[in-house]
């Protein structure tokens, strides 16, 4: 008997609790990376002004695959918006 699957069985869901760092974002008079979980970092990115959004770098603890593409562990500027569109409600 075969086991039924729906969607892409090789693409695990995004682990929104994994550790990430949000980099290249000025915090006061320094640019210390913020280390937090993926969901909090993406939500923080959404609140940035456009110039900071464009410069931001999000480094993930482990890669994620979006839309069957190549697994990525770094997202830069506007590419972070691809993750934001998938945030849990």
PDB file of N, CA and C in Angstrom:
ATOM      1  N   UNK A   1       0.839  -1.171   0.000  1.00  0.00           N
ATOM      2  CA  UNK A   1       0.000   0.000   0.000  1.00  0.00           C
ATOM      3  C   UNK A   1       0.889   1.240   0.000  1.00  0.00           C
ATOM      4  N   UNK A   2       0.596   2.196  -0.858  1.00  0.00           N
ATOM      5  CA  UNK A   2       1.382   3.434  -0.961  1.00  0.00           C
ATOM      6  C   UNK A   2       0.813   4.483  -0.024  1.00  0.00           C
ATOM      7  N   UNK A   3       1.713   5.290   0.513  1.00  0.00           N
ATOM      8  CA  UNK A   3       1.291   6.388   1.392  1.00  0.00           C
ATOM      9  C   UNK A   3       1.013   7.620   0.550  1.00  0.00           C
ATOM     10  N   UNK A   4      -0.105   8.261   0.783  1.00  0.00           N
ATOM     11  CA  UNK A   4      -0.481   9.455   0.025  1.00  0.00           C
ATOM     12  C   UNK A   4       0.212  10.683   0.600  1.00  0.00           C
ATOM     13  N   UNK A   5       0.625  11.583  -0.283  1.00  0.00           N
ATOM     14  CA  UNK A   5       1.199  12.857   0.138  1.00  0.00           C
ATOM     15  C   UNK A   5       0.562  13.976  -0.658  1.00  0.00           C
ATOM     16  N   UNK A   6       0.480  15.127  -0.075  1.00  0.00           N
ATOM     17  CA  UNK A   6      -0.040  16.315  -0.742  1.00  0.00           C
ATOM     18  C   UNK A   6       1.045  17.365  -0.746  1.00  0.00           C
ATOM     19  N   UNK A   7       1.152  18.108  -1.838  1.00  0.00           N
ATOM     20  CA  UNK A   7       2.190  19.131  -1.928  1.00  0.00           C
ATOM     21  C   UNK A   7       3.534  18.495  -2.198  1.00  0.00           C
ATOM     22  N   UNK A   8       4.577  19.220  -1.896  1.00  0.00           N
ATOM     23  CA  UNK A   8       5.932  18.753  -2.139  1.00  0.00           C
ATOM     24  C   UNK A   8       6.457  18.056  -0.892  1.00  0.00           C
ATOM     25  N   UNK A   9       6.566  16.745  -0.943  1.00  0.00           N
ATOM     26  CA  UNK A   9       6.992  15.972   0.224  1.00  0.00           C
ATOM     27  C   UNK A   9       8.427  16.278   0.614  1.00  0.00           C
ATOM     28  N   UNK A  10       9.236  16.834  -0.300  1.00  0.00           N
ATOM     29  CA  UNK A  10      10.634  17.133  -0.006  1.00  0.00           C
ATOM     30  C   UNK A  10      10.845  18.537   0.543  1.00  0.00           C
ATOM     31  N   UNK A  11       9.806  19.350   0.613  1.00  0.00           N
ATOM     32  CA  UNK A  11       9.951  20.728   1.083  1.00  0.00           C
ATOM     33  C   UNK A  11       9.306  20.871   2.458  1.00  0.00           C
ATOM     34  N   UNK A  12      10.107  20.783   3.514  1.00  0.00           N
ATOM     35  CA  UNK A  12       9.533  20.922   4.853  1.00  0.00           C
ATOM     36  C   UNK A  12       9.010  22.335   5.065  1.00  0.00           C
ATOM     37  N   UNK A  13       8.067  22.460   5.981  1.00  0.00           N
ATOM     38  CA  UNK A  13       7.557  23.793   6.277  1.00  0.00           C
ATOM     39  C   UNK A  13       8.654  24.630   6.928  1.00  0.00           C
ATOM     40  N   UNK A  14       8.480  25.920   6.884  1.00  0.00           N
ATOM     41  CA  UNK A  14       9.474  26.835   7.452  1.00  0.00           C
ATOM     42  C   UNK A  14       9.404  26.758   8.967  1.00  0.00           C
ATOM     43  N   UNK A  15      10.552  26.597   9.607  1.00  0.00           N
ATOM     44  CA  UNK A  15      10.629  26.585  11.071  1.00  0.00           C
ATOM     45  C   UNK A  15      10.801  28.028  11.540  1.00  0.00           C
ATOM     46  N   UNK A  16       9.703  28.666  11.891  1.00  0.00           N
ATOM     47  CA  UNK A  16       9.710  30.074  12.278  1.00  0.00           C
ATOM     48  C   UNK A  16      10.405  30.320  13.608  1.00  0.00           C
ATOM     49  N   UNK A  17      10.723  29.248  14.353  1.00  0.00           N
ATOM     50  CA  UNK A  17      11.382  29.394  15.661  1.00  0.00           C
ATOM     51  C   UNK A  17      12.893  29.205  15.583  1.00  0.00           C
ATOM     52  N   UNK A  18      13.435  28.897  14.366  1.00  0.00           N
ATOM     53  CA  UNK A  18      14.890  28.712  14.256  1.00  0.00           C
ATOM     54  C   UNK A  18      15.614  30.033  14.525  1.00  0.00           C
ATOM     55  N   UNK A  19      16.840  29.936  14.961  1.00  0.00           N
ATOM     56  CA  UNK A  19      17.645  31.123  15.240  1.00  0.00           C
ATOM     57  C   UNK A  19      18.102  31.780  13.941  1.00  0.00           C
ATOM     58  N   UNK A  20      18.081  33.104  13.945  1.00  0.00           N
ATOM     59  CA  UNK A  20      18.543  33.882  12.806  1.00  0.00           C
ATOM     60  C   UNK A  20      19.229  35.141  13.321  1.00  0.00           C
ATOM     61  N   UNK A  21      19.970  35.783  12.447  1.00  0.00           N
ATOM     62  CA  UNK A  21      20.490  37.106  12.786  1.00  0.00           C
ATOM     63  C   UNK A  21      20.038  38.078  11.703  1.00  0.00           C
ATOM     64  N   UNK A  22      19.610  39.243  12.134  1.00  0.00           N
ATOM     65  CA  UNK A  22      19.226  40.329  11.240  1.00  0.00           C
ATOM     66  C   UNK A  22      20.373  41.325  11.279  1.00  0.00           C
ATOM     67  N   UNK A  23      21.062  41.466  10.142  1.00  0.00           N
ATOM     68  CA  UNK A  23      22.306  42.234  10.079  1.00  0.00           C
ATOM     69  C   UNK A  23      22.173  43.444   9.166  1.00  0.00           C
ATOM     70  N   UNK A  24      23.148  44.349   9.273  1.00  0.00           N
ATOM     71  CA  UNK A  24      23.229  45.587   8.480  1.00  0.00           C
ATOM     72  C   UNK A  24      22.079  46.538   8.771  1.00  0.00           C
ATOM     73  N   UNK A  25      21.570  46.476   9.992  1.00  0.00           N
ATOM     74  CA  UNK A  25      20.502  47.374  10.417  1.00  0.00           C
ATOM     75  C   UNK A  25      21.046  48.195  11.582  1.00  0.00           C
ATOM     76  N   UNK A  26      21.079  49.514  11.410  1.00  0.00           N
ATOM     77  CA  UNK A  26      21.602  50.386  12.474  1.00  0.00           C
ATOM     78  C   UNK A  26      20.690  50.318  13.695  1.00  0.00           C
ATOM     79  N   UNK A  27      21.326  50.148  14.846  1.00  0.00           N
ATOM     80  CA  UNK A  27      20.620  50.159  16.125  1.00  0.00           C
ATOM     81  C   UNK A  27      21.310  51.207  16.984  1.00  0.00           C
ATOM     82  N   UNK A  28      20.707  52.383  17.036  1.00  0.00           N
ATOM     83  CA  UNK A  28      21.376  53.483  17.712  1.00  0.00           C
ATOM     84  C   UNK A  28      22.572  53.904  16.895  1.00  0.00           C
ATOM     85  N   UNK A  29      23.755  53.914  17.509  1.00  0.00           N
ATOM     86  CA  UNK A  29      24.950  54.305  16.761  1.00  0.00           C
ATOM     87  C   UNK A  29      25.853  53.101  16.466  1.00  0.00           C
ATOM     88  N   UNK A  30      25.259  51.891  16.422  1.00  0.00           N
ATOM     89  CA  UNK A  30      26.031  50.710  16.064  1.00  0.00           C
ATOM     90  C   UNK A  30      25.216  49.844  15.096  1.00  0.00           C
ATOM     91  N   UNK A  31      25.871  48.827  14.551  1.00  0.00           N
ATOM     92  CA  UNK A  31      25.203  47.898  13.644  1.00  0.00           C
ATOM     93  C   UNK A  31      25.329  46.474  14.159  1.00  0.00           C
ATOM     94  N   UNK A  32      25.115  46.292  15.450  1.00  0.00           N
ATOM     95  CA  UNK A  32      25.173  44.956  16.037  1.00  0.00           C
ATOM     96  C   UNK A  32      24.049  44.101  15.466  1.00  0.00           C
ATOM     97  N   UNK A  33      24.351  42.884  15.010  1.00  0.00           N
ATOM     98  CA  UNK A  33      23.291  42.005  14.508  1.00  0.00           C
ATOM     99  C   UNK A  33      22.324  41.639  15.631  1.00  0.00           C
ATOM    100  N   UNK A  34      21.067  41.555  15.291  1.00  0.00           N
ATOM    101  CA  UNK A  34      20.057  41.114  16.247  1.00  0.00           C
ATOM    102  C   UNK A  34      19.876  39.623  16.048  1.00  0.00           C
ATOM    103  N   UNK A  35      20.066  38.842  17.100  1.00  0.00           N
ATOM    104  CA  UNK A  35      19.877  37.399  17.026  1.00  0.00           C
ATOM    105  C   UNK A  35      18.554  37.088  17.699  1.00  0.00           C
ATOM    106  N   UNK A  36      17.679  36.439  16.961  1.00  0.00           N
ATOM    107  CA  UNK A  36      16.331  36.150  17.440  1.00  0.00           C
ATOM    108  C   UNK A  36      15.796  34.967  16.650  1.00  0.00           C
ATOM    109  N   UNK A  37      14.487  34.743  16.680  1.00  0.00           N
ATOM    110  CA  UNK A  37      13.927  33.677  15.847  1.00  0.00           C
ATOM    111  C   UNK A  37      13.470  34.257  14.511  1.00  0.00           C
ATOM    112  N   UNK A  38      13.247  33.394  13.547  1.00  0.00           N
ATOM    113  CA  UNK A  38      12.938  33.827  12.190  1.00  0.00           C
ATOM    114  C   UNK A  38      11.681  34.684  12.134  1.00  0.00           C
ATOM    115  N   UNK A  39      10.633  34.276  12.820  1.00  0.00           N
ATOM    116  CA  UNK A  39       9.392  35.048  12.776  1.00  0.00           C
ATOM    117  C   UNK A  39       9.597  36.461  13.310  1.00  0.00           C
ATOM    118  N   UNK A  40      10.255  36.599  14.460  1.00  0.00           N
ATOM    119  CA  UNK A  40      10.476  37.919  15.058  1.00  0.00           C
ATOM    120  C   UNK A  40      11.361  38.786  14.161  1.00  0.00           C
ATOM    121  N   UNK A  41      12.370  38.191  13.540  1.00  0.00           N
ATOM    122  CA  UNK A  41      13.263  38.963  12.681  1.00  0.00           C
ATOM    123  C   UNK A  41      12.538  39.478  11.440  1.00  0.00           C
ATOM    124  N   UNK A  42      11.708  38.646  10.833  1.00  0.00           N
ATOM    125  CA  UNK A  42      10.978  39.075   9.637  1.00  0.00           C
ATOM    126  C   UNK A  42       9.965  40.155  10.007  1.00  0.00           C
ATOM    127  N   UNK A  43       9.302  40.012  11.143  1.00  0.00           N
ATOM    128  CA  UNK A  43       8.364  41.047  11.586  1.00  0.00           C
ATOM    129  C   UNK A  43       9.101  42.356  11.888  1.00  0.00           C
ATOM    130  N   UNK A  44      10.291  42.266  12.481  1.00  0.00           N
ATOM    131  CA  UNK A  44      11.088  43.469  12.741  1.00  0.00           C
ATOM    132  C   UNK A  44      11.495  44.117  11.425  1.00  0.00           C
ATOM    133  N   UNK A  45      11.883  43.304  10.435  1.00  0.00           N
ATOM    134  CA  UNK A  45      12.258  43.817   9.119  1.00  0.00           C
ATOM    135  C   UNK A  45      11.099  44.574   8.489  1.00  0.00           C
ATOM    136  N   UNK A  46       9.880  44.068   8.642  1.00  0.00           N
ATOM    137  CA  UNK A  46       8.711  44.733   8.059  1.00  0.00           C
ATOM    138  C   UNK A  46       8.537  46.151   8.592  1.00  0.00           C
ATOM    139  N   UNK A  47       8.973  46.408   9.818  1.00  0.00           N
ATOM    140  CA  UNK A  47       8.817  47.721  10.428  1.00  0.00           C
ATOM    141  C   UNK A  47       9.928  48.713  10.109  1.00  0.00           C
ATOM    142  N   UNK A  48      10.927  48.285   9.359  1.00  0.00           N
ATOM    143  CA  UNK A  48      12.047  49.172   9.027  1.00  0.00           C
ATOM    144  C   UNK A  48      11.669  50.142   7.917  1.00  0.00           C
ATOM    145  N   UNK A  49      12.397  51.273   7.857  1.00  0.00           N
ATOM    146  CA  UNK A  49      12.187  52.187   6.733  1.00  0.00           C
ATOM    147  C   UNK A  49      12.802  51.552   5.480  1.00  0.00           C
ATOM    148  N   UNK A  50      12.376  51.982   4.300  1.00  0.00           N
ATOM    149  CA  UNK A  50      12.804  51.334   3.055  1.00  0.00           C
ATOM    150  C   UNK A  50      14.322  51.216   2.870  1.00  0.00           C
ATOM    151  N   UNK A  51      15.083  52.216   3.250  1.00  0.00           N
ATOM    152  CA  UNK A  51      16.543  52.151   3.071  1.00  0.00           C
ATOM    153  C   UNK A  51      17.144  51.036   3.927  1.00  0.00           C
ATOM    154  N   UNK A  52      16.671  50.905   5.164  1.00  0.00           N
ATOM    155  CA  UNK A  52      17.179  49.838   6.030  1.00  0.00           C
ATOM    156  C   UNK A  52      16.714  48.470   5.546  1.00  0.00           C
ATOM    157  N   UNK A  53      15.492  48.380   5.046  1.00  0.00           N
ATOM    158  CA  UNK A  53      15.007  47.111   4.490  1.00  0.00           C
ATOM    159  C   UNK A  53      15.916  46.649   3.353  1.00  0.00           C
ATOM    160  N   UNK A  54      16.283  47.580   2.495  1.00  0.00           N
ATOM    161  CA  UNK A  54      17.102  47.242   1.328  1.00  0.00           C
ATOM    162  C   UNK A  54      18.495  46.758   1.739  1.00  0.00           C
ATOM    163  N   UNK A  55      19.044  47.320   2.798  1.00  0.00           N
ATOM    164  CA  UNK A  55      20.398  46.966   3.232  1.00  0.00           C
ATOM    165  C   UNK A  55      20.446  45.737   4.139  1.00  0.00           C
ATOM    166  N   UNK A  56      19.310  45.326   4.673  1.00  0.00           N
ATOM    167  CA  UNK A  56      19.278  44.251   5.664  1.00  0.00           C
ATOM    168  C   UNK A  56      19.704  42.908   5.080  1.00  0.00           C
ATOM    169  N   UNK A  57      20.336  42.114   5.936  1.00  0.00           N
ATOM    170  CA  UNK A  57      20.724  40.740   5.605  1.00  0.00           C
ATOM    171  C   UNK A  57      20.186  39.848   6.708  1.00  0.00           C
ATOM    172  N   UNK A  58      19.476  38.802   6.313  1.00  0.00           N
ATOM    173  CA  UNK A  58      18.918  37.843   7.261  1.00  0.00           C
ATOM    174  C   UNK A  58      19.664  36.524   7.071  1.00  0.00           C
ATOM    175  N   UNK A  59      20.357  36.070   8.123  1.00  0.00           N
ATOM    176  CA  UNK A  59      21.133  34.834   8.069  1.00  0.00           C
ATOM    177  C   UNK A  59      20.441  33.798   8.944  1.00  0.00           C
ATOM    178  N   UNK A  60      20.052  32.677   8.326  1.00  0.00           N
ATOM    179  CA  UNK A  60      19.299  31.635   9.014  1.00  0.00           C
ATOM    180  C   UNK A  60      20.205  30.553   9.572  1.00  0.00           C
ATOM    181  N   UNK A  61      19.743  29.911  10.622  1.00  0.00           N
ATOM    182  CA  UNK A  61      20.456  28.803  11.251  1.00  0.00           C
ATOM    183  C   UNK A  61      20.626  27.636  10.280  1.00  0.00           C
ATOM    184  N   UNK A  62      19.604  27.410   9.471  1.00  0.00           N
ATOM    185  CA  UNK A  62      19.662  26.355   8.461  1.00  0.00           C
ATOM    186  C   UNK A  62      18.842  26.790   7.251  1.00  0.00           C
ATOM    187  N   UNK A  63      19.114  26.247   6.088  1.00  0.00           N
ATOM    188  CA  UNK A  63      18.435  26.693   4.863  1.00  0.00           C
ATOM    189  C   UNK A  63      16.944  26.370   4.844  1.00  0.00           C
ATOM    190  N   UNK A  64      16.216  27.188   4.099  1.00  0.00           N
ATOM    191  CA  UNK A  64      14.811  26.926   3.787  1.00  0.00           C
ATOM    192  C   UNK A  64      14.662  26.945   2.271  1.00  0.00           C
ATOM    193  N   UNK A  65      13.660  26.240   1.800  1.00  0.00           N
ATOM    194  CA  UNK A  65      13.372  26.183   0.374  1.00  0.00           C
ATOM    195  C   UNK A  65      12.039  26.870   0.126  1.00  0.00           C
ATOM    196  N   UNK A  66      12.029  27.834  -0.761  1.00  0.00           N
ATOM    197  CA  UNK A  66      10.803  28.543  -1.114  1.00  0.00           C
ATOM    198  C   UNK A  66      10.409  28.173  -2.534  1.00  0.00           C
ATOM    199  N   UNK A  67       9.176  27.789  -2.722  1.00  0.00           N
ATOM    200  CA  UNK A  67       8.626  27.492  -4.048  1.00  0.00           C
ATOM    201  C   UNK A  67       9.457  26.498  -4.839  1.00  0.00           C
ATOM    202  N   UNK A  68      10.012  25.498  -4.155  1.00  0.00           N
ATOM    203  CA  UNK A  68      10.760  24.453  -4.838  1.00  0.00           C
ATOM    204  C   UNK A  68      12.118  24.874  -5.366  1.00  0.00           C
ATOM    205  N   UNK A  69      12.596  26.050  -4.967  1.00  0.00           N
ATOM    206  CA  UNK A  69      13.888  26.549  -5.438  1.00  0.00           C
ATOM    207  C   UNK A  69      15.043  25.952  -4.669  1.00  0.00           C
ATOM    208  N   UNK A  70      16.182  26.586  -4.801  1.00  0.00           N
ATOM    209  CA  UNK A  70      17.391  26.187  -4.107  1.00  0.00           C
ATOM    210  C   UNK A  70      17.276  26.537  -2.633  1.00  0.00           C
ATOM    211  N   UNK A  71      17.689  25.644  -1.731  1.00  0.00           N
ATOM    212  CA  UNK A  71      17.675  25.984  -0.308  1.00  0.00           C
ATOM    213  C   UNK A  71      18.588  27.185  -0.034  1.00  0.00           C
ATOM    214  N   UNK A  72      18.079  28.154   0.713  1.00  0.00           N
ATOM    215  CA  UNK A  72      18.826  29.374   1.021  1.00  0.00           C
ATOM    216  C   UNK A  72      18.947  29.558   2.523  1.00  0.00           C
ATOM    217  N   UNK A  73      20.121  30.051   2.955  1.00  0.00           N
ATOM    218  CA  UNK A  73      20.282  30.367   4.372  1.00  0.00           C
ATOM    219  C   UNK A  73      20.602  31.849   4.580  1.00  0.00           C
ATOM    220  N   UNK A  74      20.575  32.637   3.501  1.00  0.00           N
ATOM    221  CA  UNK A  74      20.757  34.092   3.567  1.00  0.00           C
ATOM    222  C   UNK A  74      19.699  34.744   2.684  1.00  0.00           C
ATOM    223  N   UNK A  75      19.082  35.780   3.194  1.00  0.00           N
ATOM    224  CA  UNK A  75      18.144  36.575   2.412  1.00  0.00           C
ATOM    225  C   UNK A  75      18.586  38.021   2.533  1.00  0.00           C
ATOM    226  N   UNK A  76      18.559  38.750   1.431  1.00  0.00           N
ATOM    227  CA  UNK A  76      19.058  40.127   1.405  1.00  0.00           C
ATOM    228  C   UNK A  76      17.940  41.064   0.974  1.00  0.00           C
ATOM    229  N   UNK A  77      17.798  42.168   1.707  1.00  0.00           N
ATOM    230  CA  UNK A  77      16.867  43.231   1.350  1.00  0.00           C
ATOM    231  C   UNK A  77      15.506  42.736   0.931  1.00  0.00           C
ATOM    232  N   UNK A  78      15.075  43.081  -0.281  1.00  0.00           N
ATOM    233  CA  UNK A  78      13.730  42.748  -0.734  1.00  0.00           C
ATOM    234  C   UNK A  78      13.423  41.248  -0.749  1.00  0.00           C
ATOM    235  N   UNK A  79      14.427  40.396  -0.824  1.00  0.00           N
ATOM    236  CA  UNK A  79      14.170  38.949  -0.796  1.00  0.00           C
ATOM    237  C   UNK A  79      13.565  38.519   0.534  1.00  0.00           C
ATOM    238  N   UNK A  80      13.794  39.298   1.587  1.00  0.00           N
ATOM    239  CA  UNK A  80      13.193  38.983   2.887  1.00  0.00           C
ATOM    240  C   UNK A  80      11.669  39.089   2.788  1.00  0.00           C
ATOM    241  N   UNK A  81      11.191  39.916   1.864  1.00  0.00           N
ATOM    242  CA  UNK A  81       9.745  40.050   1.663  1.00  0.00           C
ATOM    243  C   UNK A  81       9.128  38.718   1.224  1.00  0.00           C
ATOM    244  N   UNK A  82       9.885  37.872   0.527  1.00  0.00           N
ATOM    245  CA  UNK A  82       9.382  36.548   0.156  1.00  0.00           C
ATOM    246  C   UNK A  82       9.054  35.728   1.402  1.00  0.00           C
ATOM    247  N   UNK A  83       9.872  35.860   2.434  1.00  0.00           N
ATOM    248  CA  UNK A  83       9.569  35.190   3.695  1.00  0.00           C
ATOM    249  C   UNK A  83       8.388  35.859   4.392  1.00  0.00           C
ATOM    250  N   UNK A  84       8.340  37.177   4.369  1.00  0.00           N
ATOM    251  CA  UNK A  84       7.270  37.918   5.044  1.00  0.00           C
ATOM    252  C   UNK A  84       5.898  37.503   4.532  1.00  0.00           C
ATOM    253  N   UNK A  85       5.807  37.201   3.253  1.00  0.00           N
ATOM    254  CA  UNK A  85       4.529  36.780   2.665  1.00  0.00           C
ATOM    255  C   UNK A  85       4.060  35.432   3.196  1.00  0.00           C
ATOM    256  N   UNK A  86       4.955  34.686   3.832  1.00  0.00           N
ATOM    257  CA  UNK A  86       4.621  33.355   4.351  1.00  0.00           C
ATOM    258  C   UNK A  86       4.496  33.333   5.874  1.00  0.00           C
ATOM    259  N   UNK A  87       4.584  34.487   6.521  1.00  0.00           N
ATOM    260  CA  UNK A  87       4.487  34.530   7.983  1.00  0.00           C
ATOM    261  C   UNK A  87       3.199  33.879   8.477  1.00  0.00           C
ATOM    262  N   UNK A  88       3.290  33.159   9.588  1.00  0.00           N
ATOM    263  CA  UNK A  88       2.071  32.589  10.152  1.00  0.00           C
ATOM    264  C   UNK A  88       1.148  33.699  10.662  1.00  0.00           C
ATOM    265  N   UNK A  89      -0.124  33.447  10.578  1.00  0.00           N
ATOM    266  CA  UNK A  89      -1.081  34.452  11.045  1.00  0.00           C
ATOM    267  C   UNK A  89      -1.396  34.306  12.512  1.00  0.00           C
TER     268      UNK A  89
END
